[in-house]
Amino acid sequence: MSTPVIRRRARIFTLLARDYDVVQRYASFAFWAMPGGWEAYAPSLWSGRRQAAGGAETPVTEPVKKPS
């Protein structure tokens, strides 16, 4: 049930993600010794993404007390 526009957007994003991986590899070679590291020049496409609701459990802040 996907429209041609949705299929085209999915294909474009796939090509972008594949090509950006190559860009990151070249940036890691070219900017390895630069201040801030190569990640400052070619950051990840996935950094800063939030997890879906319910995806991560919240850490327990207080220890569980055993009944005496």
C-alpha atoms as a PDB file:
ATOM      1  CA  MET A   1       0.000   0.000   0.000  1.00  0.00           C
ATOM      2  CA  SER A   2       2.973   2.319  -0.240  1.00  0.00           C
ATOM      3  CA  THR A   3       2.777   5.120  -2.707  1.00  0.00           C
ATOM      4  CA  PRO A   4       5.530   5.911  -5.212  1.00  0.00           C
ATOM      5  CA  VAL A   5       6.534   8.926  -3.112  1.00  0.00           C
ATOM      6  CA  ILE A   6       7.058   6.787   0.003  1.00  0.00           C
ATOM      7  CA  ARG A   7       9.061   4.213  -1.941  1.00  0.00           C
ATOM      8  CA  ARG A   8      11.218   6.942  -3.495  1.00  0.00           C
ATOM      9  CA  ARG A   9      11.900   8.553  -0.097  1.00  0.00           C
ATOM     10  CA  ALA A  10      12.883   5.176   1.342  1.00  0.00           C
ATOM     11  CA  ARG A  11      15.279   4.554  -1.558  1.00  0.00           C
ATOM     12  CA  ILE A  12      16.810   8.026  -1.210  1.00  0.00           C
ATOM     13  CA  PHE A  13      17.370   7.562   2.514  1.00  0.00           C
ATOM     14  CA  THR A  14      18.952   4.144   1.936  1.00  0.00           C
ATOM     15  CA  LEU A  15      21.364   5.606  -0.615  1.00  0.00           C
ATOM     16  CA  LEU A  16      22.180   8.501   1.713  1.00  0.00           C
ATOM     17  CA  ALA A  17      22.909   6.164   4.620  1.00  0.00           C
ATOM     18  CA  ARG A  18      25.180   3.954   2.491  1.00  0.00           C
ATOM     19  CA  ASP A  19      27.076   6.868   0.999  1.00  0.00           C
ATOM     20  CA  TYR A  20      27.406   8.664   4.333  1.00  0.00           C
ATOM     21  CA  ASP A  21      29.152   5.588   5.707  1.00  0.00           C
ATOM     22  CA  VAL A  22      31.808   6.062   3.026  1.00  0.00           C
ATOM     23  CA  VAL A  23      32.059   9.773   3.892  1.00  0.00           C
ATOM     24  CA  GLN A  24      32.656   8.873   7.541  1.00  0.00           C
ATOM     25  CA  ARG A  25      35.437   6.448   6.597  1.00  0.00           C
ATOM     26  CA  TYR A  26      37.219   9.091   4.534  1.00  0.00           C
ATOM     27  CA  ALA A  27      36.718  11.692   7.267  1.00  0.00           C
ATOM     28  CA  SER A  28      38.202   9.358   9.870  1.00  0.00           C
ATOM     29  CA  PHE A  29      41.309   9.075   7.698  1.00  0.00           C
ATOM     30  CA  ALA A  30      41.572  12.784   6.849  1.00  0.00           C
ATOM     31  CA  PHE A  31      40.680  14.265  10.248  1.00  0.00           C
ATOM     32  CA  TRP A  32      42.117  11.613  12.584  1.00  0.00           C
ATOM     33  CA  ALA A  33      44.538  13.936  14.412  1.00  0.00           C
ATOM     34  CA  MET A  34      42.393  17.088  14.297  1.00  0.00           C
ATOM     35  CA  PRO A  35      41.103  18.694  17.509  1.00  0.00           C
ATOM     36  CA  GLY A  36      37.713  17.304  18.433  1.00  0.00           C
ATOM     37  CA  GLY A  37      38.358  14.092  16.519  1.00  0.00           C
ATOM     38  CA  TRP A  38      36.966  13.091  13.180  1.00  0.00           C
ATOM     39  CA  GLU A  39      33.468  12.712  14.655  1.00  0.00           C
ATOM     40  CA  ALA A  40      33.254  16.515  14.864  1.00  0.00           C
ATOM     41  CA  TYR A  41      33.611  16.741  11.082  1.00  0.00           C
ATOM     42  CA  ALA A  42      31.400  13.778  10.087  1.00  0.00           C
ATOM     43  CA  PRO A  43      29.061  12.950  12.973  1.00  0.00           C
ATOM     44  CA  SER A  44      26.859   9.878  12.988  1.00  0.00           C
ATOM     45  CA  LEU A  45      23.451  10.059  11.368  1.00  0.00           C
ATOM     46  CA  TRP A  46      22.042   8.249  14.386  1.00  0.00           C
ATOM     47  CA  SER A  47      23.463  10.378  17.194  1.00  0.00           C
ATOM     48  CA  GLY A  48      20.956  12.286  19.250  1.00  0.00           C
ATOM     49  CA  ARG A  49      18.041  10.008  18.408  1.00  0.00           C
ATOM     50  CA  ARG A  50      15.647   9.247  21.197  1.00  0.00           C
ATOM     51  CA  GLN A  51      14.482   5.747  21.935  1.00  0.00           C
ATOM     52  CA  ALA A  52      10.878   4.789  21.345  1.00  0.00           C
ATOM     53  CA  ALA A  53       8.487   4.927  24.276  1.00  0.00           C
ATOM     54  CA  GLY A  54       8.913   1.901  26.487  1.00  0.00           C
ATOM     55  CA  GLY A  55      12.166   0.936  24.782  1.00  0.00           C
ATOM     56  CA  ALA A  56      14.440   1.496  27.751  1.00  0.00           C
ATOM     57  CA  GLU A  57      13.818   0.659  31.346  1.00  0.00           C
ATOM     58  CA  THR A  58      14.354   3.328  33.964  1.00  0.00           C
ATOM     59  CA  PRO A  59      17.161   2.545  36.397  1.00  0.00           C
ATOM     60  CA  VAL A  60      16.294   1.725  39.982  1.00  0.00           C
ATOM     61  CA  THR A  61      17.322   4.618  42.211  1.00  0.00           C
ATOM     62  CA  GLU A  62      16.807   2.955  45.595  1.00  0.00           C
ATOM     63  CA  PRO A  63      17.940  -0.520  46.577  1.00  0.00           C
ATOM     64  CA  VAL A  64      15.189  -3.024  47.195  1.00  0.00           C
ATOM     65  CA  LYS A  65      14.705  -3.708  50.903  1.00  0.00           C
ATOM     66  CA  LYS A  66      14.425  -7.329  51.936  1.00  0.00           C
ATOM     67  CA  PRO A  67      11.580  -8.159  54.309  1.00  0.00           C
ATOM     68  CA  SER A  68      12.780  -9.097  57.785  1.00  0.00           C
END
